Amino acid sequence: MRILISALWLMSLLAPGAAVAQAFPPNDAGVTMGHWHLNSVSVEANQKILVGMGGTAIKPGDFNIARFPGVAVFLHLRQTGTPPTGGTEGSVVNHVGFVVPNVQESVAKWKAAGVPVEPGNNNRLDQAWVTTPDGLRIEVLQDKTQAMPIRHAHIQFFVEESVIPQMQAWYVRHFGAKPGVRNEAPVADIPGTQLRFNKTAAPTVTTKGRVLDHIGFDVTDLRERLKKLEAAGVKIDRPFTPSPLGGGLAFIYDPWGTYIELNERPKPL
């Protein structure tokens, strides 16, 4: 599996960087949101949903990508007989989110395009939910001041309440995230996304192997970053793998089981 993912990633680098994702400029630590990597039961079904929501379908290499401002969604077909071990619910990343200028207008368009849209919690009109057939949960929220039709908004972690401050501090320390508060709950901002932390009493598992297998950040000077992460005791699951075009990738885990890909691209996105 790792060999296959590496080959696909290297193929994606053969296309111009701007064609792969619409990443936001990195923060002072050299980090910006990069991608979600889905283990799809059906690439076509997930792509139809994401394109119906406003994503741009591209195929720079051997596999499909749905591109949004702030994130690229990599659609990888799971091998026969090894479906995802579950959806996002039950993993440390409970769901991901987009923001649109008007939820109800977007919902009407998406339903016409065949997107499985569910109403907001308690019938909120400024919120909606999309759940893919293989269990990827996507929250949609409203920002009337937003100029673009849709953009990546957040990644929602579910962890024990006692570790929320530690998790926020971990992303601040290692990725230069800007700490803050939203709705009286801690958050951490990285260009292209807001990391949000929810308390849960239910046990959660790693993202690895779920429909949302890992999240990816684009970084600068990946070798140096890995040295600092390793010195700080961060688990390096896969060391730096160079690309023949320059840059490279690596995989790590956060202490709560989030599988994270780090990419240094030959051409910053």
C-alpha atoms as a PDB file:
ATOM      1  CA  MET A   1       0.000   0.000   0.000  1.00  0.00           C
ATOM      2  CA  ARG A   2       2.743   2.443   0.891  1.00  0.00           C
ATOM      3  CA  ILE A   3       4.536   1.797  -2.393  1.00  0.00           C
ATOM      4  CA  LEU A   4       1.331   2.468  -4.304  1.00  0.00           C
ATOM      5  CA  ILE A   5       0.640   5.704  -2.440  1.00  0.00           C
ATOM      6  CA  SER A   6       4.214   6.856  -3.064  1.00  0.00           C
ATOM      7  CA  ALA A   7       3.903   6.175  -6.779  1.00  0.00           C
ATOM      8  CA  LEU A   8       0.645   8.081  -6.974  1.00  0.00           C
ATOM      9  CA  TRP A   9       2.082  10.992  -5.033  1.00  0.00           C
ATOM     10  CA  LEU A  10       5.113  11.178  -7.298  1.00  0.00           C
ATOM     11  CA  MET A  11       2.850  11.168 -10.336  1.00  0.00           C
ATOM     12  CA  SER A  12       0.936  14.109  -8.881  1.00  0.00           C
ATOM     13  CA  LEU A  13       4.151  16.084  -8.770  1.00  0.00           C
ATOM     14  CA  LEU A  14       4.563  15.789 -12.520  1.00  0.00           C
ATOM     15  CA  ALA A  15       1.811  18.357 -12.991  1.00  0.00           C
ATOM     16  CA  PRO A  16       2.387  22.053 -12.257  1.00  0.00           C
ATOM     17  CA  GLY A  17       1.892  22.729  -8.569  1.00  0.00           C
ATOM     18  CA  ALA A  18      -0.920  25.228  -9.063  1.00  0.00           C
ATOM     19  CA  ALA A  19      -2.931  22.586 -10.919  1.00  0.00           C
ATOM     20  CA  VAL A  20      -2.991  20.230  -7.931  1.00  0.00           C
ATOM     21  CA  ALA A  21      -4.354  22.464  -5.197  1.00  0.00           C
ATOM     22  CA  GLN A  22      -5.311  25.974  -4.370  1.00  0.00           C
ATOM     23  CA  ALA A  23      -3.341  26.233  -1.151  1.00  0.00           C
ATOM     24  CA  PHE A  24      -3.227  29.435   0.859  1.00  0.00           C
ATOM     25  CA  PRO A  25       0.139  31.149   1.507  1.00  0.00           C
ATOM     26  CA  PRO A  26       1.987  29.431   4.390  1.00  0.00           C
ATOM     27  CA  ASN A  27       2.255  30.876   7.882  1.00  0.00           C
ATOM     28  CA  ASP A  28       5.485  32.092   9.471  1.00  0.00           C
ATOM     29  CA  ALA A  29       6.378  28.482  10.292  1.00  0.00           C
ATOM     30  CA  GLY A  30       6.132  27.561   6.605  1.00  0.00           C
ATOM     31  CA  VAL A  31       2.926  25.506   6.915  1.00  0.00           C
ATOM     32  CA  THR A  32      -0.347  25.591   4.988  1.00  0.00           C
ATOM     33  CA  MET A  33      -3.250  23.176   4.630  1.00  0.00           C
ATOM     34  CA  GLY A  34      -2.630  20.723   1.809  1.00  0.00           C
ATOM     35  CA  HIS A  35      -5.052  17.835   1.347  1.00  0.00           C
ATOM     36  CA  TRP A  36      -7.369  15.150   2.636  1.00  0.00           C
ATOM     37  CA  HIS A  37      -6.624  11.616   1.475  1.00  0.00           C
ATOM     38  CA  LEU A  38      -9.710   9.438   1.104  1.00  0.00           C
ATOM     39  CA  ASN A  39      -9.731   5.652   0.969  1.00  0.00           C
ATOM     40  CA  SER A  40     -12.718   5.500  -1.343  1.00  0.00           C
ATOM     41  CA  VAL A  41     -14.976   2.529  -1.937  1.00  0.00           C
ATOM     42  CA  SER A  42     -16.035   4.365  -5.106  1.00  0.00           C
ATOM     43  CA  VAL A  43     -13.892   7.149  -6.517  1.00  0.00           C
ATOM     44  CA  GLU A  44     -16.615   8.062  -8.994  1.00  0.00           C
ATOM     45  CA  ALA A  45     -19.338   8.403  -6.341  1.00  0.00           C
ATOM     46  CA  ASN A  46     -17.204  10.570  -4.070  1.00  0.00           C
ATOM     47  CA  GLN A  47     -15.972  12.693  -6.948  1.00  0.00           C
ATOM     48  CA  LYS A  48     -19.549  13.301  -8.119  1.00  0.00           C
ATOM     49  CA  ILE A  49     -20.479  14.537  -4.650  1.00  0.00           C
ATOM     50  CA  LEU A  50     -17.445  16.789  -4.272  1.00  0.00           C
ATOM     51  CA  VAL A  51     -17.745  18.237  -7.772  1.00  0.00           C
ATOM     52  CA  GLY A  52     -21.451  18.758  -7.152  1.00  0.00           C
ATOM     53  CA  MET A  53     -20.480  20.833  -4.104  1.00  0.00           C
ATOM     54  CA  GLY A  54     -18.250  23.062  -6.207  1.00  0.00           C
ATOM     55  CA  GLY A  55     -14.941  21.237  -6.371  1.00  0.00           C
ATOM     56  CA  THR A  56     -12.900  21.104  -9.567  1.00  0.00           C
ATOM     57  CA  ALA A  57     -12.122  17.620 -10.842  1.00  0.00           C
ATOM     58  CA  ILE A  58      -8.535  17.158 -12.015  1.00  0.00           C
ATOM     59  CA  LYS A  59      -6.357  14.142 -12.741  1.00  0.00           C
ATOM     60  CA  PRO A  60      -2.699  15.167 -12.914  1.00  0.00           C
ATOM     61  CA  GLY A  61      -1.434  11.618 -12.433  1.00  0.00           C
ATOM     62  CA  ASP A  62      -2.897   8.175 -11.886  1.00  0.00           C
ATOM     63  CA  PHE A  63      -5.693   9.142  -9.529  1.00  0.00           C
ATOM     64  CA  ASN A  64      -8.463  11.687  -9.105  1.00  0.00           C
ATOM     65  CA  ILE A  65      -8.446  14.946  -7.166  1.00  0.00           C
ATOM     66  CA  ALA A  66     -11.291  17.304  -6.283  1.00  0.00           C
ATOM     67  CA  ARG A  67      -9.810  20.765  -5.784  1.00  0.00           C
ATOM     68  CA  PHE A  68     -11.205  23.490  -3.532  1.00  0.00           C
ATOM     69  CA  PRO A  69      -9.720  26.753  -2.301  1.00  0.00           C
ATOM     70  CA  GLY A  70      -7.635  25.703   0.690  1.00  0.00           C
ATOM     71  CA  VAL A  71      -7.588  21.932   0.139  1.00  0.00           C
ATOM     72  CA  ALA A  72      -7.193  19.186  -2.450  1.00  0.00           C
ATOM     73  CA  VAL A  73      -9.187  16.011  -1.848  1.00  0.00           C
ATOM     74  CA  PHE A  74      -7.221  12.982  -3.065  1.00  0.00           C
ATOM     75  CA  LEU A  75      -9.520  10.115  -4.073  1.00  0.00           C
ATOM     76  CA  HIS A  76      -7.766   6.781  -3.766  1.00  0.00           C
ATOM     77  CA  LEU A  77      -9.593   3.539  -4.542  1.00  0.00           C
ATOM     78  CA  ARG A  78      -9.157   0.961  -1.804  1.00  0.00           C
ATOM     79  CA  GLN A  79      -7.956  -2.407  -3.029  1.00  0.00           C
ATOM     80  CA  THR A  80     -10.512  -5.197  -3.437  1.00  0.00           C
ATOM     81  CA  GLY A  81     -11.236  -6.914  -0.148  1.00  0.00           C
ATOM     82  CA  THR A  82      -9.837  -4.124   2.046  1.00  0.00           C
ATOM     83  CA  PRO A  83     -12.586  -1.534   2.484  1.00  0.00           C
ATOM     84  CA  PRO A  84     -12.088   1.325   4.935  1.00  0.00           C
ATOM     85  CA  THR A  85     -12.385   0.242   8.553  1.00  0.00           C
ATOM     86  CA  GLY A  86     -15.019   2.930   9.096  1.00  0.00           C
ATOM     87  CA  GLY A  87     -16.160   6.436   8.335  1.00  0.00           C
ATOM     88  CA  THR A  88     -14.903   9.566  10.020  1.00  0.00           C
ATOM     89  CA  GLU A  89     -17.335   9.203  12.927  1.00  0.00           C
ATOM     90  CA  GLY A  90     -15.541   7.190  15.597  1.00  0.00           C
ATOM     91  CA  SER A  91     -12.075   8.329  14.521  1.00  0.00           C
ATOM     92  CA  VAL A  92     -10.135  11.194  16.061  1.00  0.00           C
ATOM     93  CA  VAL A  93     -11.162  13.356  13.064  1.00  0.00           C
ATOM     94  CA  ASN A  94     -14.941  13.266  13.384  1.00  0.00           C
ATOM     95  CA  HIS A  95     -15.625  15.428  10.352  1.00  0.00           C
ATOM     96  CA  VAL A  96     -14.278  18.098   8.053  1.00  0.00           C
ATOM     97  CA  GLY A  97     -15.931  21.306   6.919  1.00  0.00           C
ATOM     98  CA  PHE A  98     -16.530  23.861   4.197  1.00  0.00           C
ATOM     99  CA  VAL A  99     -17.967  27.354   4.348  1.00  0.00           C
ATOM    100  CA  VAL A 100     -20.257  28.982   1.764  1.00  0.00           C
ATOM    101  CA  PRO A 101     -21.866  32.439   1.505  1.00  0.00           C
ATOM    102  CA  ASN A 102     -25.432  31.092   1.728  1.00  0.00           C
ATOM    103  CA  VAL A 103     -26.139  27.568   2.933  1.00  0.00           C
ATOM    104  CA  GLN A 104     -29.701  27.329   1.674  1.00  0.00           C
ATOM    105  CA  GLU A 105     -28.788  28.496  -1.822  1.00  0.00           C
ATOM    106  CA  SER A 106     -25.934  25.998  -1.915  1.00  0.00           C
ATOM    107  CA  VAL A 107     -28.142  23.193  -0.615  1.00  0.00           C
ATOM    108  CA  ALA A 108     -30.667  23.785  -3.400  1.00  0.00           C
ATOM    109  CA  LYS A 109     -27.940  23.577  -6.068  1.00  0.00           C
ATOM    110  CA  TRP A 110     -26.335  20.517  -4.505  1.00  0.00           C
ATOM    111  CA  LYS A 111     -29.583  18.584  -4.235  1.00  0.00           C
ATOM    112  CA  ALA A 112     -30.208  19.265  -7.930  1.00  0.00           C
ATOM    113  CA  ALA A 113     -26.727  17.817  -8.609  1.00  0.00           C
ATOM    114  CA  GLY A 114     -27.489  14.658  -6.611  1.00  0.00           C
ATOM    115  CA  VAL A 115     -25.478  15.553  -3.498  1.00  0.00           C
ATOM    116  CA  PRO A 116     -26.856  13.793  -0.358  1.00  0.00           C
ATOM    117  CA  VAL A 117     -27.476  16.867   1.811  1.00  0.00           C
ATOM    118  CA  GLU A 118     -28.928  16.676   5.315  1.00  0.00           C
ATOM    119  CA  PRO A 119     -30.342  19.608   7.312  1.00  0.00           C
ATOM    120  CA  GLY A 120     -28.374  21.380  10.003  1.00  0.00           C
ATOM    121  CA  ASN A 121     -28.553  20.447  13.665  1.00  0.00           C
ATOM    122  CA  ASN A 122     -31.936  21.421  15.126  1.00  0.00           C
ATOM    123  CA  ASN A 123     -32.899  22.532  11.604  1.00  0.00           C
ATOM    124  CA  ARG A 124     -30.377  25.363  11.580  1.00  0.00           C
ATOM    125  CA  LEU A 125     -30.559  27.228   8.277  1.00  0.00           C
ATOM    126  CA  ASP A 126     -26.897  28.316   8.400  1.00  0.00           C
ATOM    127  CA  GLN A 127     -25.605  24.746   8.609  1.00  0.00           C
ATOM    128  CA  ALA A 128     -25.941  21.550   6.556  1.00  0.00           C
ATOM    129  CA  TRP A 129     -24.334  18.119   6.458  1.00  0.00           C
ATOM    130  CA  VAL A 130     -23.121  15.921   3.632  1.00  0.00           C
ATOM    131  CA  THR A 131     -22.237  12.282   4.280  1.00  0.00           C
ATOM    132  CA  THR A 132     -20.679  10.194   1.533  1.00  0.00           C
ATOM    133  CA  PRO A 133     -21.717   6.534   1.071  1.00  0.00           C
ATOM    134  CA  ASP A 134     -18.481   5.404   2.739  1.00  0.00           C
ATOM    135  CA  GLY A 135     -18.923   7.625   5.780  1.00  0.00           C
ATOM    136  CA  LEU A 136     -17.009  10.869   5.217  1.00  0.00           C
ATOM    137  CA  ARG A 137     -18.926  13.519   7.177  1.00  0.00           C
ATOM    138  CA  ILE A 138     -18.716  17.089   5.887  1.00  0.00           C
ATOM    139  CA  GLU A 139     -20.144  20.042   7.794  1.00  0.00           C
ATOM    140  CA  VAL A 140     -21.177  23.086   5.775  1.00  0.00           C
ATOM    141  CA  LEU A 141     -21.400  26.472   7.477  1.00  0.00           C
ATOM    142  CA  GLN A 142     -22.334  29.953   6.327  1.00  0.00           C
ATOM    143  CA  ASP A 143     -20.332  33.166   6.066  1.00  0.00           C
ATOM    144  CA  LYS A 144     -22.271  35.871   4.243  1.00  0.00           C
ATOM    145  CA  THR A 145     -19.112  37.977   3.854  1.00  0.00           C
ATOM    146  CA  GLN A 146     -17.298  35.275   1.878  1.00  0.00           C
ATOM    147  CA  ALA A 147     -16.641  36.173  -1.767  1.00  0.00           C
ATOM    148  CA  MET A 148     -15.800  32.708  -3.138  1.00  0.00           C
ATOM    149  CA  PRO A 149     -18.575  30.114  -3.641  1.00  0.00           C
ATOM    150  CA  ILE A 150     -16.973  27.546  -1.326  1.00  0.00           C
ATOM    151  CA  ARG A 151     -13.716  27.100   0.569  1.00  0.00           C
ATOM    152  CA  HIS A 152     -12.175  24.717   3.039  1.00  0.00           C
ATOM    153  CA  ALA A 153     -13.056  25.711   6.593  1.00  0.00           C
ATOM    154  CA  HIS A 154     -12.058  23.272   9.307  1.00  0.00           C
ATOM    155  CA  ILE A 155     -10.985  19.886  10.611  1.00  0.00           C
ATOM    156  CA  GLN A 156     -12.935  18.765  13.675  1.00  0.00           C
ATOM    157  CA  PHE A 157     -11.129  16.601  16.213  1.00  0.00           C
ATOM    158  CA  PHE A 158     -13.024  14.620  18.857  1.00  0.00           C
ATOM    159  CA  VAL A 159     -10.926  13.830  21.940  1.00  0.00           C
ATOM    160  CA  GLU A 160     -11.247  13.600  25.697  1.00  0.00           C
ATOM    161  CA  GLU A 161     -11.896  16.992  27.236  1.00  0.00           C
ATOM    162  CA  SER A 162      -8.773  16.796  29.413  1.00  0.00           C
ATOM    163  CA  VAL A 163      -6.415  16.631  26.420  1.00  0.00           C
ATOM    164  CA  ILE A 164      -7.920  19.478  24.376  1.00  0.00           C
ATOM    165  CA  PRO A 165      -5.449  22.103  25.694  1.00  0.00           C
ATOM    166  CA  GLN A 166      -2.560  19.719  24.982  1.00  0.00           C
ATOM    167  CA  MET A 167      -3.771  19.068  21.441  1.00  0.00           C
ATOM    168  CA  GLN A 168      -4.167  22.756  20.684  1.00  0.00           C
ATOM    169  CA  ALA A 169      -0.682  23.425  22.085  1.00  0.00           C
ATOM    170  CA  TRP A 170       0.808  20.560  20.035  1.00  0.00           C
ATOM    171  CA  TYR A 171      -0.336  22.055  16.730  1.00  0.00           C
ATOM    172  CA  VAL A 172       0.721  25.526  17.831  1.00  0.00           C
ATOM    173  CA  ARG A 173       4.198  24.273  18.714  1.00  0.00           C
ATOM    174  CA  HIS A 174       4.886  22.038  15.732  1.00  0.00           C
ATOM    175  CA  PHE A 175       2.979  23.749  12.913  1.00  0.00           C
ATOM    176  CA  GLY A 176       2.885  27.379  13.939  1.00  0.00           C
ATOM    177  CA  ALA A 177      -0.909  27.295  14.337  1.00  0.00           C
ATOM    178  CA  LYS A 178      -2.433  30.423  15.813  1.00  0.00           C
ATOM    179  CA  PRO A 179      -4.361  29.628  19.001  1.00  0.00           C
ATOM    180  CA  GLY A 180      -7.799  31.116  19.489  1.00  0.00           C
ATOM    181  CA  VAL A 181     -11.335  30.521  20.688  1.00  0.00           C
ATOM    182  CA  ARG A 182     -14.527  29.905  18.721  1.00  0.00           C
ATOM    183  CA  ASN A 183     -17.887  29.537  20.439  1.00  0.00           C
ATOM    184  CA  GLU A 184     -16.023  29.333  23.758  1.00  0.00           C
ATOM    185  CA  ALA A 185     -13.991  26.348  22.502  1.00  0.00           C
ATOM    186  CA  PRO A 186     -10.251  26.277  21.717  1.00  0.00           C
ATOM    187  CA  VAL A 187      -9.182  26.353  18.060  1.00  0.00           C
ATOM    188  CA  ALA A 188      -5.904  26.623  16.167  1.00  0.00           C
ATOM    189  CA  ASP A 189      -5.642  28.358  12.790  1.00  0.00           C
ATOM    190  CA  ILE A 190      -3.385  27.261   9.939  1.00  0.00           C
ATOM    191  CA  PRO A 191      -3.729  28.914   6.504  1.00  0.00           C
ATOM    192  CA  GLY A 192      -6.510  27.108   4.681  1.00  0.00           C
ATOM    193  CA  THR A 193      -8.081  25.523   7.749  1.00  0.00           C
ATOM    194  CA  GLN A 194      -9.102  25.925  11.358  1.00  0.00           C
ATOM    195  CA  LEU A 195      -8.376  23.019  13.682  1.00  0.00           C
ATOM    196  CA  ARG A 196     -11.296  22.631  16.077  1.00  0.00           C
ATOM    197  CA  PHE A 197     -11.368  20.485  19.198  1.00  0.00           C
ATOM    198  CA  ASN A 198     -14.523  18.874  20.583  1.00  0.00           C
ATOM    199  CA  LYS A 199     -14.853  16.887  23.760  1.00  0.00           C
ATOM    200  CA  THR A 200     -16.183  13.341  23.628  1.00  0.00           C
ATOM    201  CA  ALA A 201     -16.616  10.648  26.230  1.00  0.00           C
ATOM    202  CA  ALA A 202     -16.605   7.926  23.577  1.00  0.00           C
ATOM    203  CA  PRO A 203     -13.279   6.301  22.653  1.00  0.00           C
ATOM    204  CA  THR A 204     -11.838   7.244  19.254  1.00  0.00           C
ATOM    205  CA  VAL A 205      -9.386   5.488  16.960  1.00  0.00           C
ATOM    206  CA  THR A 206      -6.674   6.532  14.551  1.00  0.00           C
ATOM    207  CA  THR A 207      -7.630   7.929  11.158  1.00  0.00           C
ATOM    208  CA  LYS A 208      -5.280   5.410   9.516  1.00  0.00           C
ATOM    209  CA  GLY A 209      -7.343   2.957   7.523  1.00  0.00           C
ATOM    210  CA  ARG A 210     -10.589   4.938   7.813  1.00  0.00           C
ATOM    211  CA  VAL A 211     -12.278   6.621   4.858  1.00  0.00           C
ATOM    212  CA  LEU A 212     -10.319   9.787   5.729  1.00  0.00           C
ATOM    213  CA  ASP A 213      -6.988   8.024   6.078  1.00  0.00           C
ATOM    214  CA  HIS A 214      -4.886  11.108   6.663  1.00  0.00           C
ATOM    215  CA  ILE A 215      -4.702  14.850   6.395  1.00  0.00           C
ATOM    216  CA  GLY A 216      -1.803  16.605   4.693  1.00  0.00           C
ATOM    217  CA  PHE A 217       0.065  19.828   5.295  1.00  0.00           C
ATOM    218  CA  ASP A 218       2.377  21.479   2.789  1.00  0.00           C
ATOM    219  CA  VAL A 219       5.568  22.618   4.503  1.00  0.00           C
ATOM    220  CA  THR A 220       8.876  24.214   3.694  1.00  0.00           C
ATOM    221  CA  ASP A 221      12.255  22.587   4.522  1.00  0.00           C
ATOM    222  CA  LEU A 222      10.791  19.216   5.415  1.00  0.00           C
ATOM    223  CA  ARG A 223      14.087  17.626   6.439  1.00  0.00           C
ATOM    224  CA  GLU A 224      14.729  20.295   9.063  1.00  0.00           C
ATOM    225  CA  ARG A 225      11.143  20.072  10.307  1.00  0.00           C
ATOM    226  CA  LEU A 226      11.435  16.308  10.731  1.00  0.00           C
ATOM    227  CA  LYS A 227      14.620  16.719  12.772  1.00  0.00           C
ATOM    228  CA  LYS A 228      12.789  19.066  15.141  1.00  0.00           C
ATOM    229  CA  LEU A 229       9.734  16.815  15.345  1.00  0.00           C
ATOM    230  CA  GLU A 230      11.843  13.752  16.100  1.00  0.00           C
ATOM    231  CA  ALA A 231      13.836  15.632  18.729  1.00  0.00           C
ATOM    232  CA  ALA A 232      10.545  16.582  20.364  1.00  0.00           C
ATOM    233  CA  GLY A 233       9.467  12.943  20.510  1.00  0.00           C
ATOM    234  CA  VAL A 234       6.959  13.021  17.657  1.00  0.00           C
ATOM    235  CA  LYS A 235       6.370   9.615  16.078  1.00  0.00           C
ATOM    236  CA  ILE A 236       7.817   9.569  12.547  1.00  0.00           C
ATOM    237  CA  ASP A 237       5.954   6.754  10.827  1.00  0.00           C
ATOM    238  CA  ARG A 238       7.758   7.182   7.541  1.00  0.00           C
ATOM    239  CA  PRO A 239      10.965   9.181   7.101  1.00  0.00           C
ATOM    240  CA  PHE A 240      11.701  11.695   4.394  1.00  0.00           C
ATOM    241  CA  THR A 241      11.157  10.265   0.919  1.00  0.00           C
ATOM    242  CA  PRO A 242      12.681  12.480  -1.779  1.00  0.00           C
ATOM    243  CA  SER A 243      11.043  13.246  -5.095  1.00  0.00           C
ATOM    244  CA  PRO A 244      13.140  13.158  -8.270  1.00  0.00           C
ATOM    245  CA  LEU A 245      11.750  16.621  -9.047  1.00  0.00           C
ATOM    246  CA  GLY A 246      12.789  18.062  -5.701  1.00  0.00           C
ATOM    247  CA  GLY A 247      11.095  18.214  -2.335  1.00  0.00           C
ATOM    248  CA  GLY A 248       9.673  15.109  -0.723  1.00  0.00           C
ATOM    249  CA  LEU A 249       7.192  13.687   1.754  1.00  0.00           C
ATOM    250  CA  ALA A 250       6.984  12.065   5.167  1.00  0.00           C
ATOM    251  CA  PHE A 251       4.292  10.687   7.458  1.00  0.00           C
ATOM    252  CA  ILE A 252       3.801  11.256  11.172  1.00  0.00           C
ATOM    253  CA  TYR A 253       1.170  10.684  13.849  1.00  0.00           C
ATOM    254  CA  ASP A 254      -0.010  13.223  16.349  1.00  0.00           C
ATOM    255  CA  PRO A 255      -0.245  11.797  19.915  1.00  0.00           C
ATOM    256  CA  TRP A 256      -4.004  11.172  19.505  1.00  0.00           C
ATOM    257  CA  GLY A 257      -3.858   9.064  16.363  1.00  0.00           C
ATOM    258  CA  THR A 258      -4.256  11.545  13.532  1.00  0.00           C
ATOM    259  CA  TYR A 259      -2.218  10.310  10.584  1.00  0.00           C
ATOM    260  CA  ILE A 260      -0.512  13.266   8.890  1.00  0.00           C
ATOM    261  CA  GLU A 261       1.328  13.562   5.601  1.00  0.00           C
ATOM    262  CA  LEU A 262       3.895  16.336   5.247  1.00  0.00           C
ATOM    263  CA  ASN A 263       4.768  17.522   1.753  1.00  0.00           C
ATOM    264  CA  GLU A 264       7.606  19.733   0.587  1.00  0.00           C
ATOM    265  CA  ARG A 265       6.672  20.419  -3.009  1.00  0.00           C
ATOM    266  CA  PRO A 266       9.199  21.413  -5.688  1.00  0.00           C
ATOM    267  CA  LYS A 267       6.887  24.298  -6.600  1.00  0.00           C
ATOM    268  CA  PRO A 268       4.989  25.795  -3.632  1.00  0.00           C
ATOM    269  CA  LEU A 269       1.269  25.693  -4.310  1.00  0.00           C
END
